[in-house]
Amino acid sequence: MKKTATLFIAFMLLIAGIANAHTKAAGGATNWGADPMHSSIKFTVPHMGISEVEGRFGTFTGAMVQQGADFNNAQVNFTVDVNSVNTDNEMRDKHLKSDDFFNADKYPKMTFISTSFKKGKGNTYVLEGNLTIRDVTKKVKFEVSYGGTITDPYGNVKSGFKATAKISRAAFNLKWNTMKEGVAMVGDDVSIILNLEFAQAK
């Protein structure tokens, strides 16, 4: 009887161990949130074919779910407040918020939802996903450089990334333009530069 009870207890402990292992595996993902104080979303666009104008979005949220030991196959999403656009020129910013460009009243948010995040050579990744501006959604590919992971003086685990991409603004219905001596005032190619610091959820 004693032997049977011992075997039964051992069996139950084994089952509990298996269940616990499955629970850990299911909950093994690591959540990260973008730190807005140490992150930026910037863009540049050609002006008259001879220079570039730079702008940024001051208000945004971002999240990442890490699936394994590195960031391969991580899930990434961002939401950007269009009304926070800033090019250091009030008149130009107002124009960007109008229907000639973003139509911020009707479409106040831009969103990005990843479909793939693949590790490349060294500290590089390729991030692909769906970018929505106005009522248009297009697939966009970012080249990503991973800067590393550290613990800050306050005990927060931080990871840094720089991501770059190029999009056609006309493809997202940001079509306004005018010509000057046969040259477009505003170029079509928009370069996006993300400097991102993510904080690991506690």
N, C-alpha and C. Protein backbone atom coordinates (compact mmCIF):
# COMPACT_ATOMS: atom_id res chain seq x y z
N MET A 1 0.83 -1.22 0.00
CA MET A 1 0.00 0.00 0.00
C MET A 1 0.86 1.26 0.00
N LYS A 2 1.91 1.21 0.83
CA LYS A 2 2.81 2.35 0.92
C LYS A 2 3.53 2.59 -0.40
N LYS A 3 3.93 1.47 -1.05
CA LYS A 3 4.61 1.57 -2.34
C LYS A 3 3.69 2.16 -3.40
N THR A 4 2.43 1.71 -3.37
CA THR A 4 1.44 2.23 -4.33
C THR A 4 1.22 3.72 -4.14
N ALA A 5 1.13 4.16 -2.90
CA ALA A 5 0.94 5.58 -2.60
C ALA A 5 2.13 6.40 -3.08
N THR A 6 3.33 5.85 -2.88
CA THR A 6 4.55 6.55 -3.32
C THR A 6 4.58 6.70 -4.83
N LEU A 7 4.22 5.63 -5.54
CA LEU A 7 4.18 5.68 -7.00
C LEU A 7 3.14 6.68 -7.48
N PHE A 8 1.98 6.70 -6.79
CA PHE A 8 0.92 7.64 -7.16
C PHE A 8 1.39 9.09 -7.00
N ILE A 9 2.07 9.38 -5.88
CA ILE A 9 2.57 10.74 -5.63
C ILE A 9 3.60 11.12 -6.68
N ALA A 10 4.50 10.17 -7.01
CA ALA A 10 5.52 10.45 -8.03
C ALA A 10 4.88 10.75 -9.38
N PHE A 11 3.84 9.96 -9.71
CA PHE A 11 3.13 10.15 -10.97
C PHE A 11 2.49 11.54 -11.03
N MET A 12 1.84 11.94 -9.93
CA MET A 12 1.19 13.24 -9.87
C MET A 12 2.19 14.38 -9.97
N LEU A 13 3.35 14.21 -9.35
CA LEU A 13 4.40 15.24 -9.45
C LEU A 13 4.91 15.37 -10.89
N LEU A 14 5.02 14.22 -11.57
CA LEU A 14 5.45 14.22 -12.96
C LEU A 14 4.45 14.98 -13.83
N ILE A 15 3.17 14.68 -13.62
CA ILE A 15 2.12 15.37 -14.38
C ILE A 15 2.15 16.87 -14.11
N ALA A 16 2.33 17.23 -12.85
CA ALA A 16 2.38 18.65 -12.48
C ALA A 16 3.57 19.33 -13.13
N GLY A 17 4.70 18.60 -13.19
CA GLY A 17 5.90 19.17 -13.81
C GLY A 17 5.70 19.41 -15.28
N ILE A 18 5.07 18.45 -15.97
CA ILE A 18 4.79 18.61 -17.40
C ILE A 18 3.85 19.80 -17.63
N ALA A 19 2.80 19.91 -16.82
CA ALA A 19 1.84 21.01 -16.95
C ALA A 19 2.53 22.35 -16.72
N ASN A 20 3.41 22.39 -15.73
CA ASN A 20 4.13 23.63 -15.42
C ASN A 20 5.05 24.02 -16.56
N ALA A 21 5.70 23.02 -17.17
CA ALA A 21 6.59 23.28 -18.30
C ALA A 21 5.82 23.86 -19.46
N HIS A 22 4.62 23.31 -19.73
CA HIS A 22 3.79 23.84 -20.81
C HIS A 22 3.33 25.25 -20.50
N THR A 23 3.03 25.55 -19.25
CA THR A 23 2.61 26.90 -18.86
C THR A 23 3.72 27.91 -19.10
N LYS A 24 4.96 27.52 -18.75
CA LYS A 24 6.09 28.42 -18.95
C LYS A 24 6.33 28.66 -20.43
N ALA A 25 6.19 27.58 -21.24
CA ALA A 25 6.40 27.73 -22.68
C ALA A 25 5.36 28.64 -23.28
N ALA A 26 4.10 28.47 -22.83
CA ALA A 26 3.02 29.29 -23.39
C ALA A 26 3.18 30.74 -22.99
N GLY A 27 3.69 30.96 -21.80
CA GLY A 27 3.84 32.34 -21.33
C GLY A 27 5.26 32.86 -21.45
N GLY A 28 6.06 32.23 -22.35
CA GLY A 28 7.48 32.58 -22.45
C GLY A 28 7.78 33.84 -23.22
N ALA A 29 6.79 34.46 -23.83
CA ALA A 29 7.03 35.69 -24.59
C ALA A 29 7.39 36.84 -23.66
N THR A 30 8.21 37.75 -24.19
CA THR A 30 8.63 38.93 -23.43
C THR A 30 8.05 40.18 -24.08
N ASN A 31 7.38 40.99 -23.29
CA ASN A 31 6.76 42.22 -23.81
C ASN A 31 7.69 43.42 -23.61
N TRP A 32 7.71 44.28 -24.63
CA TRP A 32 8.51 45.51 -24.60
C TRP A 32 7.63 46.68 -25.02
N GLY A 33 7.92 47.86 -24.49
CA GLY A 33 7.22 49.08 -24.89
C GLY A 33 8.22 50.16 -25.28
N ALA A 34 7.91 50.91 -26.32
CA ALA A 34 8.81 51.99 -26.76
C ALA A 34 8.89 53.08 -25.70
N ASP A 35 10.09 53.52 -25.40
CA ASP A 35 10.32 54.61 -24.45
C ASP A 35 10.33 55.92 -25.23
N PRO A 36 9.26 56.72 -25.16
CA PRO A 36 9.18 57.93 -26.00
C PRO A 36 10.22 58.98 -25.66
N MET A 37 10.77 58.96 -24.44
CA MET A 37 11.78 59.92 -24.05
C MET A 37 13.12 59.66 -24.73
N HIS A 38 13.31 58.42 -25.20
CA HIS A 38 14.57 58.05 -25.82
C HIS A 38 14.36 57.43 -27.20
N SER A 39 13.26 57.79 -27.83
CA SER A 39 12.95 57.29 -29.16
C SER A 39 12.49 58.45 -30.04
N SER A 40 12.58 58.26 -31.34
CA SER A 40 12.12 59.30 -32.26
C SER A 40 11.65 58.68 -33.57
N ILE A 41 10.66 59.31 -34.17
CA ILE A 41 10.17 58.94 -35.50
C ILE A 41 10.35 60.15 -36.40
N LYS A 42 11.28 60.04 -37.34
CA LYS A 42 11.62 61.16 -38.22
C LYS A 42 11.42 60.78 -39.68
N PHE A 43 11.35 61.80 -40.52
CA PHE A 43 11.26 61.56 -41.95
C PHE A 43 11.97 62.69 -42.69
N THR A 44 12.41 62.40 -43.88
CA THR A 44 12.97 63.43 -44.77
C THR A 44 12.32 63.29 -46.14
N VAL A 45 12.16 64.42 -46.82
CA VAL A 45 11.58 64.42 -48.16
C VAL A 45 12.34 65.44 -49.01
N PRO A 46 12.65 65.10 -50.28
CA PRO A 46 13.39 66.03 -51.13
C PRO A 46 12.61 67.33 -51.37
N HIS A 47 13.35 68.44 -51.45
CA HIS A 47 12.75 69.74 -51.74
C HIS A 47 13.42 70.33 -52.97
N MET A 48 12.64 70.48 -54.05
CA MET A 48 13.08 71.06 -55.31
C MET A 48 14.27 70.33 -55.91
N GLY A 49 14.47 69.08 -55.50
CA GLY A 49 15.53 68.27 -56.08
C GLY A 49 16.93 68.63 -55.65
N ILE A 50 17.07 69.59 -54.71
CA ILE A 50 18.42 70.03 -54.35
C ILE A 50 18.74 69.86 -52.86
N SER A 51 17.70 69.60 -52.04
CA SER A 51 17.93 69.47 -50.60
C SER A 51 16.83 68.60 -50.00
N GLU A 52 16.82 68.50 -48.69
CA GLU A 52 15.81 67.72 -48.00
C GLU A 52 15.21 68.52 -46.84
N VAL A 53 13.92 68.30 -46.62
CA VAL A 53 13.25 68.86 -45.45
C VAL A 53 13.06 67.71 -44.47
N GLU A 54 13.35 67.98 -43.19
CA GLU A 54 13.22 66.95 -42.16
C GLU A 54 12.03 67.25 -41.25
N GLY A 55 11.32 66.21 -40.86
CA GLY A 55 10.21 66.36 -39.92
C GLY A 55 10.20 65.22 -38.93
N ARG A 56 9.31 65.30 -37.96
CA ARG A 56 9.22 64.26 -36.94
C ARG A 56 7.79 64.22 -36.40
N PHE A 57 7.48 63.12 -35.75
CA PHE A 57 6.20 62.97 -35.05
C PHE A 57 6.51 62.83 -33.56
N GLY A 58 5.96 63.73 -32.76
CA GLY A 58 6.30 63.78 -31.36
C GLY A 58 5.52 62.85 -30.46
N THR A 59 4.36 62.37 -30.95
CA THR A 59 3.51 61.52 -30.11
C THR A 59 3.26 60.19 -30.80
N PHE A 60 3.64 59.12 -30.12
CA PHE A 60 3.48 57.78 -30.70
C PHE A 60 3.56 56.74 -29.58
N THR A 61 3.06 55.55 -29.88
CA THR A 61 3.19 54.41 -28.98
C THR A 61 3.71 53.23 -29.80
N GLY A 62 4.48 52.37 -29.15
CA GLY A 62 5.01 51.20 -29.84
C GLY A 62 5.14 50.04 -28.88
N ALA A 63 4.94 48.84 -29.39
CA ALA A 63 5.04 47.63 -28.57
C ALA A 63 5.72 46.53 -29.37
N MET A 64 6.42 45.67 -28.66
CA MET A 64 7.08 44.54 -29.29
C MET A 64 6.92 43.32 -28.38
N VAL A 65 6.64 42.17 -28.99
CA VAL A 65 6.55 40.91 -28.27
C VAL A 65 7.67 40.01 -28.76
N GLN A 66 8.61 39.72 -27.89
CA GLN A 66 9.77 38.88 -28.22
C GLN A 66 9.41 37.42 -27.95
N GLN A 67 9.70 36.57 -28.94
CA GLN A 67 9.27 35.18 -28.84
C GLN A 67 10.35 34.23 -28.34
N GLY A 68 11.63 34.60 -28.52
CA GLY A 68 12.71 33.68 -28.16
C GLY A 68 13.87 34.39 -27.51
N ALA A 69 15.06 33.79 -27.62
CA ALA A 69 16.25 34.34 -26.97
C ALA A 69 16.69 35.64 -27.64
N ASP A 70 16.50 35.75 -28.97
CA ASP A 70 16.79 37.00 -29.66
C ASP A 70 15.47 37.59 -30.14
N PHE A 71 15.54 38.54 -31.09
CA PHE A 71 14.32 39.20 -31.52
C PHE A 71 13.76 38.63 -32.83
N ASN A 72 14.33 37.52 -33.28
CA ASN A 72 13.81 36.87 -34.47
C ASN A 72 12.34 36.49 -34.25
N ASN A 73 11.51 36.82 -35.23
CA ASN A 73 10.06 36.53 -35.19
C ASN A 73 9.30 37.37 -34.16
N ALA A 74 9.91 38.43 -33.66
CA ALA A 74 9.18 39.32 -32.76
C ALA A 74 8.03 39.99 -33.50
N GLN A 75 7.02 40.36 -32.74
CA GLN A 75 5.87 41.08 -33.30
C GLN A 75 5.96 42.54 -32.88
N VAL A 76 5.79 43.44 -33.84
CA VAL A 76 5.99 44.87 -33.59
C VAL A 76 4.78 45.64 -34.09
N ASN A 77 4.34 46.63 -33.33
CA ASN A 77 3.29 47.52 -33.82
C ASN A 77 3.50 48.94 -33.29
N PHE A 78 3.06 49.89 -34.10
CA PHE A 78 3.19 51.30 -33.74
C PHE A 78 1.91 52.05 -34.10
N THR A 79 1.60 53.07 -33.32
CA THR A 79 0.54 54.01 -33.64
C THR A 79 1.10 55.41 -33.48
N VAL A 80 0.91 56.23 -34.50
CA VAL A 80 1.48 57.58 -34.53
C VAL A 80 0.36 58.61 -34.62
N ASP A 81 0.45 59.64 -33.78
CA ASP A 81 -0.51 60.75 -33.81
C ASP A 81 -0.09 61.72 -34.90
N VAL A 82 -0.88 61.78 -35.99
CA VAL A 82 -0.54 62.63 -37.13
C VAL A 82 -0.49 64.10 -36.74
N ASN A 83 -1.33 64.51 -35.80
CA ASN A 83 -1.35 65.91 -35.38
C ASN A 83 -0.08 66.34 -34.66
N SER A 84 0.79 65.40 -34.33
CA SER A 84 2.04 65.75 -33.66
C SER A 84 3.18 66.01 -34.65
N VAL A 85 2.87 66.07 -35.96
CA VAL A 85 3.90 66.33 -36.96
C VAL A 85 4.55 67.70 -36.71
N ASN A 86 5.85 67.76 -36.89
CA ASN A 86 6.60 68.99 -36.62
C ASN A 86 7.77 69.09 -37.59
N THR A 87 7.75 70.13 -38.43
CA THR A 87 8.86 70.38 -39.34
C THR A 87 9.52 71.72 -39.04
N ASP A 88 9.27 72.23 -37.84
CA ASP A 88 9.83 73.53 -37.40
C ASP A 88 9.33 74.70 -38.24
N ASN A 89 8.15 74.52 -38.82
CA ASN A 89 7.53 75.61 -39.57
C ASN A 89 6.02 75.47 -39.41
N GLU A 90 5.39 76.39 -38.69
CA GLU A 90 3.97 76.27 -38.35
C GLU A 90 3.07 76.23 -39.58
N MET A 91 3.37 77.06 -40.58
CA MET A 91 2.55 77.09 -41.79
C MET A 91 2.64 75.76 -42.55
N ARG A 92 3.85 75.22 -42.64
CA ARG A 92 4.03 73.94 -43.34
C ARG A 92 3.36 72.81 -42.57
N ASP A 93 3.47 72.83 -41.25
CA ASP A 93 2.83 71.78 -40.44
C ASP A 93 1.32 71.80 -40.61
N LYS A 94 0.75 73.00 -40.67
CA LYS A 94 -0.69 73.13 -40.89
C LYS A 94 -1.08 72.56 -42.24
N HIS A 95 -0.26 72.83 -43.26
CA HIS A 95 -0.53 72.31 -44.60
C HIS A 95 -0.45 70.77 -44.60
N LEU A 96 0.54 70.22 -43.89
CA LEU A 96 0.67 68.76 -43.83
C LEU A 96 -0.54 68.09 -43.18
N LYS A 97 -1.17 68.78 -42.25
CA LYS A 97 -2.35 68.21 -41.58
C LYS A 97 -3.62 68.35 -42.42
N SER A 98 -3.56 69.13 -43.48
CA SER A 98 -4.74 69.35 -44.32
C SER A 98 -4.97 68.18 -45.25
N ASP A 99 -6.06 68.25 -46.03
CA ASP A 99 -6.40 67.16 -46.94
C ASP A 99 -5.41 67.05 -48.10
N ASP A 100 -4.57 68.06 -48.32
CA ASP A 100 -3.52 67.94 -49.34
C ASP A 100 -2.54 66.83 -49.00
N PHE A 101 -2.42 66.56 -47.70
CA PHE A 101 -1.49 65.51 -47.25
C PHE A 101 -2.21 64.52 -46.33
N PHE A 102 -2.05 64.64 -45.03
CA PHE A 102 -2.52 63.62 -44.10
C PHE A 102 -4.01 63.67 -43.79
N ASN A 103 -4.65 64.83 -43.94
CA ASN A 103 -6.04 65.01 -43.51
C ASN A 103 -6.20 64.50 -42.08
N ALA A 104 -5.50 65.17 -41.18
CA ALA A 104 -5.43 64.73 -39.79
C ALA A 104 -6.78 64.72 -39.09
N ASP A 105 -7.72 65.56 -39.51
CA ASP A 105 -9.04 65.57 -38.89
C ASP A 105 -9.78 64.25 -39.15
N LYS A 106 -9.66 63.75 -40.36
CA LYS A 106 -10.37 62.52 -40.73
C LYS A 106 -9.55 61.27 -40.42
N TYR A 107 -8.23 61.38 -40.56
CA TYR A 107 -7.35 60.23 -40.33
C TYR A 107 -6.26 60.63 -39.32
N PRO A 108 -6.60 60.69 -38.05
CA PRO A 108 -5.67 61.21 -37.04
C PRO A 108 -4.54 60.27 -36.65
N LYS A 109 -4.59 59.02 -37.08
CA LYS A 109 -3.57 58.06 -36.69
C LYS A 109 -2.93 57.39 -37.90
N MET A 110 -1.64 57.12 -37.79
CA MET A 110 -0.95 56.20 -38.69
C MET A 110 -0.63 54.95 -37.89
N THR A 111 -0.68 53.79 -38.54
CA THR A 111 -0.39 52.55 -37.82
C THR A 111 0.57 51.68 -38.62
N PHE A 112 1.33 50.89 -37.89
CA PHE A 112 2.19 49.88 -38.50
C PHE A 112 2.02 48.59 -37.71
N ILE A 113 1.74 47.48 -38.41
CA ILE A 113 1.62 46.17 -37.79
C ILE A 113 2.53 45.21 -38.54
N SER A 114 3.46 44.60 -37.83
CA SER A 114 4.45 43.75 -38.48
C SER A 114 3.84 42.44 -38.96
N THR A 115 4.41 41.92 -40.03
CA THR A 115 4.07 40.59 -40.53
C THR A 115 5.27 39.66 -40.47
N SER A 116 6.48 40.24 -40.34
CA SER A 116 7.70 39.44 -40.30
C SER A 116 8.83 40.26 -39.69
N PHE A 117 9.63 39.61 -38.83
CA PHE A 117 10.82 40.24 -38.26
C PHE A 117 11.92 39.17 -38.24
N LYS A 118 12.83 39.24 -39.23
CA LYS A 118 13.79 38.17 -39.45
C LYS A 118 15.23 38.65 -39.20
N LYS A 119 15.98 37.81 -38.49
CA LYS A 119 17.36 38.13 -38.19
C LYS A 119 18.22 37.92 -39.42
N GLY A 120 19.12 38.88 -39.66
CA GLY A 120 20.08 38.76 -40.75
C GLY A 120 21.47 38.50 -40.20
N LYS A 121 22.47 39.05 -40.88
CA LYS A 121 23.85 38.88 -40.44
C LYS A 121 24.17 39.82 -39.29
N GLY A 122 24.97 39.33 -38.35
CA GLY A 122 25.42 40.18 -37.25
C GLY A 122 24.27 40.75 -36.45
N ASN A 123 24.24 42.08 -36.35
CA ASN A 123 23.21 42.74 -35.53
C ASN A 123 22.08 43.31 -36.37
N THR A 124 21.83 42.72 -37.55
CA THR A 124 20.80 43.26 -38.45
C THR A 124 19.56 42.39 -38.46
N TYR A 125 18.44 43.05 -38.72
CA TYR A 125 17.15 42.39 -38.89
C TYR A 125 16.44 43.04 -40.07
N VAL A 126 15.46 42.33 -40.62
CA VAL A 126 14.56 42.90 -41.64
C VAL A 126 13.15 42.83 -41.08
N LEU A 127 12.52 44.00 -40.99
CA LEU A 127 11.16 44.11 -40.46
C LEU A 127 10.21 44.44 -41.60
N GLU A 128 9.19 43.62 -41.78
CA GLU A 128 8.17 43.87 -42.78
C GLU A 128 6.81 43.96 -42.11
N GLY A 129 5.94 44.78 -42.69
CA GLY A 129 4.61 44.90 -42.12
C GLY A 129 3.74 45.82 -42.93
N ASN A 130 2.54 46.05 -42.42
CA ASN A 130 1.55 46.87 -43.11
C ASN A 130 1.48 48.25 -42.48
N LEU A 131 1.77 49.26 -43.30
CA LEU A 131 1.72 50.65 -42.88
C LEU A 131 0.43 51.27 -43.41
N THR A 132 -0.34 51.89 -42.52
CA THR A 132 -1.58 52.55 -42.92
C THR A 132 -1.46 54.04 -42.70
N ILE A 133 -1.62 54.80 -43.79
CA ILE A 133 -1.65 56.26 -43.76
C ILE A 133 -2.93 56.68 -44.48
N ARG A 134 -3.67 57.60 -43.87
CA ARG A 134 -5.00 57.93 -44.37
C ARG A 134 -5.81 56.63 -44.41
N ASP A 135 -6.40 56.31 -45.58
CA ASP A 135 -7.18 55.08 -45.71
C ASP A 135 -6.47 54.08 -46.62
N VAL A 136 -5.16 54.20 -46.73
CA VAL A 136 -4.36 53.34 -47.60
C VAL A 136 -3.41 52.49 -46.75
N THR A 137 -3.40 51.19 -47.02
CA THR A 137 -2.49 50.27 -46.34
C THR A 137 -1.57 49.63 -47.37
N LYS A 138 -0.26 49.73 -47.14
CA LYS A 138 0.73 49.16 -48.04
C LYS A 138 1.78 48.40 -47.22
N LYS A 139 2.38 47.40 -47.84
CA LYS A 139 3.47 46.67 -47.19
C LYS A 139 4.74 47.51 -47.28
N VAL A 140 5.46 47.58 -46.15
CA VAL A 140 6.71 48.35 -46.07
C VAL A 140 7.78 47.48 -45.44
N LYS A 141 9.02 47.64 -45.93
CA LYS A 141 10.14 46.88 -45.37
C LYS A 141 11.15 47.83 -44.74
N PHE A 142 11.50 47.55 -43.48
CA PHE A 142 12.50 48.33 -42.76
C PHE A 142 13.79 47.52 -42.61
N GLU A 143 14.91 48.18 -42.85
CA GLU A 143 16.22 47.62 -42.50
C GLU A 143 16.52 48.03 -41.07
N VAL A 144 16.80 47.05 -40.21
CA VAL A 144 16.92 47.31 -38.77
C VAL A 144 18.33 46.97 -38.29
N SER A 145 18.89 47.87 -37.49
CA SER A 145 20.16 47.62 -36.82
C SER A 145 19.90 47.55 -35.32
N TYR A 146 20.32 46.46 -34.71
CA TYR A 146 20.14 46.24 -33.28
C TYR A 146 21.34 46.78 -32.52
N GLY A 147 21.10 47.70 -31.59
CA GLY A 147 22.20 48.35 -30.88
C GLY A 147 22.67 47.63 -29.64
N GLY A 148 21.83 46.73 -29.09
CA GLY A 148 22.21 46.00 -27.90
C GLY A 148 21.16 46.10 -26.81
N THR A 149 21.39 45.36 -25.74
CA THR A 149 20.49 45.35 -24.58
C THR A 149 21.29 45.56 -23.31
N ILE A 150 20.82 46.47 -22.45
CA ILE A 150 21.49 46.74 -21.18
C ILE A 150 20.44 46.94 -20.09
N THR A 151 20.90 46.96 -18.85
CA THR A 151 20.06 47.33 -17.72
C THR A 151 20.47 48.71 -17.25
N ASP A 152 19.51 49.65 -17.21
CA ASP A 152 19.85 51.03 -16.84
C ASP A 152 20.02 51.15 -15.31
N PRO A 153 20.45 52.32 -14.82
CA PRO A 153 20.70 52.48 -13.38
C PRO A 153 19.48 52.27 -12.50
N TYR A 154 18.28 52.25 -13.10
CA TYR A 154 17.05 52.09 -12.33
C TYR A 154 16.52 50.66 -12.38
N GLY A 155 17.30 49.77 -12.99
CA GLY A 155 16.90 48.37 -13.05
C GLY A 155 16.02 48.02 -14.24
N ASN A 156 15.86 48.96 -15.18
CA ASN A 156 15.04 48.70 -16.36
C ASN A 156 15.89 48.09 -17.47
N VAL A 157 15.40 47.03 -18.08
CA VAL A 157 16.10 46.41 -19.21
C VAL A 157 15.71 47.13 -20.49
N LYS A 158 16.70 47.63 -21.23
CA LYS A 158 16.45 48.43 -22.43
C LYS A 158 17.14 47.79 -23.63
N SER A 159 16.48 47.85 -24.79
CA SER A 159 17.07 47.41 -26.06
C SER A 159 16.92 48.53 -27.08
N GLY A 160 17.97 48.72 -27.89
CA GLY A 160 17.97 49.81 -28.86
C GLY A 160 18.00 49.33 -30.29
N PHE A 161 17.29 50.04 -31.15
CA PHE A 161 17.22 49.70 -32.57
C PHE A 161 17.20 50.98 -33.41
N LYS A 162 17.72 50.88 -34.62
CA LYS A 162 17.52 51.92 -35.63
C LYS A 162 16.93 51.26 -36.86
N ALA A 163 15.81 51.79 -37.35
CA ALA A 163 15.12 51.20 -38.49
C ALA A 163 14.92 52.26 -39.56
N THR A 164 15.17 51.89 -40.81
CA THR A 164 15.02 52.83 -41.92
C THR A 164 14.22 52.19 -43.05
N ALA A 165 13.45 53.03 -43.73
CA ALA A 165 12.67 52.56 -44.88
C ALA A 165 12.44 53.74 -45.81
N LYS A 166 12.02 53.44 -47.03
CA LYS A 166 11.67 54.48 -47.99
C LYS A 166 10.31 54.15 -48.59
N ILE A 167 9.42 55.13 -48.64
CA ILE A 167 8.10 54.92 -49.20
C ILE A 167 7.79 55.99 -50.24
N SER A 168 6.83 55.70 -51.08
CA SER A 168 6.29 56.69 -52.02
C SER A 168 5.11 57.38 -51.36
N ARG A 169 5.17 58.69 -51.22
CA ARG A 169 4.05 59.38 -50.57
C ARG A 169 2.81 59.35 -51.46
N ALA A 170 3.00 59.35 -52.78
CA ALA A 170 1.84 59.29 -53.68
C ALA A 170 1.07 57.99 -53.50
N ALA A 171 1.79 56.91 -53.15
CA ALA A 171 1.14 55.62 -52.96
C ALA A 171 0.18 55.65 -51.77
N PHE A 172 0.38 56.60 -50.86
CA PHE A 172 -0.49 56.74 -49.69
C PHE A 172 -1.42 57.96 -49.80
N ASN A 173 -1.60 58.42 -51.03
CA ASN A 173 -2.49 59.56 -51.31
C ASN A 173 -2.04 60.87 -50.66
N LEU A 174 -0.74 61.03 -50.46
CA LEU A 174 -0.17 62.31 -50.02
C LEU A 174 0.35 63.00 -51.27
N LYS A 175 -0.57 63.43 -52.13
CA LYS A 175 -0.23 63.71 -53.53
C LYS A 175 0.06 65.17 -53.85
N TRP A 176 -0.20 66.09 -52.93
CA TRP A 176 -0.06 67.51 -53.30
C TRP A 176 1.34 67.80 -53.83
N ASN A 177 1.38 68.64 -54.86
CA ASN A 177 2.67 69.10 -55.37
C ASN A 177 2.46 70.32 -56.27
N THR A 178 3.53 70.99 -56.56
CA THR A 178 3.52 72.08 -57.52
C THR A 178 4.88 72.12 -58.17
N MET A 179 4.95 72.70 -59.35
CA MET A 179 6.20 72.71 -60.11
C MET A 179 6.83 74.10 -60.10
N LYS A 180 8.12 74.13 -60.13
CA LYS A 180 8.88 75.37 -60.22
C LYS A 180 10.00 75.14 -61.22
N GLU A 181 9.87 75.82 -62.37
CA GLU A 181 10.85 75.68 -63.45
C GLU A 181 11.04 74.22 -63.84
N GLY A 182 9.91 73.50 -63.90
CA GLY A 182 9.92 72.11 -64.32
C GLY A 182 10.37 71.12 -63.27
N VAL A 183 10.59 71.60 -62.04
CA VAL A 183 11.05 70.73 -60.95
C VAL A 183 9.96 70.66 -59.88
N ALA A 184 9.67 69.43 -59.41
CA ALA A 184 8.67 69.26 -58.36
C ALA A 184 9.16 69.89 -57.06
N MET A 185 8.29 70.69 -56.43
CA MET A 185 8.67 71.32 -55.17
C MET A 185 8.92 70.28 -54.09
N VAL A 186 8.09 69.22 -54.07
CA VAL A 186 8.20 68.18 -53.06
C VAL A 186 8.43 66.85 -53.75
N GLY A 187 9.49 66.15 -53.37
CA GLY A 187 9.79 64.85 -53.97
C GLY A 187 8.80 63.78 -53.52
N ASP A 188 8.81 62.66 -54.25
CA ASP A 188 7.87 61.58 -53.92
C ASP A 188 8.44 60.62 -52.88
N ASP A 189 9.74 60.41 -52.92
CA ASP A 189 10.35 59.45 -52.00
C ASP A 189 10.50 60.05 -50.60
N VAL A 190 9.92 59.37 -49.63
CA VAL A 190 10.03 59.79 -48.23
C VAL A 190 10.87 58.76 -47.47
N SER A 191 11.93 59.23 -46.85
CA SER A 191 12.77 58.35 -46.03
C SER A 191 12.28 58.41 -44.58
N ILE A 192 12.11 57.24 -43.99
CA ILE A 192 11.66 57.14 -42.60
C ILE A 192 12.82 56.64 -41.75
N ILE A 193 13.07 57.34 -40.65
CA ILE A 193 14.16 56.97 -39.75
C ILE A 193 13.61 56.83 -38.34
N LEU A 194 13.69 55.62 -37.80
CA LEU A 194 13.21 55.35 -36.44
C LEU A 194 14.41 55.04 -35.55
N ASN A 195 14.59 55.84 -34.51
CA ASN A 195 15.55 55.54 -33.46
C ASN A 195 14.74 55.13 -32.23
N LEU A 196 14.85 53.87 -31.86
CA LEU A 196 13.91 53.32 -30.89
C LEU A 196 14.65 52.69 -29.71
N GLU A 197 14.16 53.02 -28.52
CA GLU A 197 14.62 52.36 -27.31
C GLU A 197 13.40 51.71 -26.65
N PHE A 198 13.45 50.40 -26.53
CA PHE A 198 12.36 49.65 -25.93
C PHE A 198 12.70 49.29 -24.49
N ALA A 199 11.70 49.37 -23.63
CA ALA A 199 11.85 48.96 -22.23
C ALA A 199 11.10 47.65 -22.01
N GLN A 200 11.77 46.71 -21.38
CA GLN A 200 11.14 45.42 -21.10
C GLN A 200 10.10 45.58 -19.99
N ALA A 201 8.92 44.99 -20.23
CA ALA A 201 7.86 45.06 -19.23
C ALA A 201 8.28 44.29 -17.98
N LYS A 202 7.90 44.82 -16.82
CA LYS A 202 8.24 44.18 -15.54
C LYS A 202 7.10 43.29 -15.08
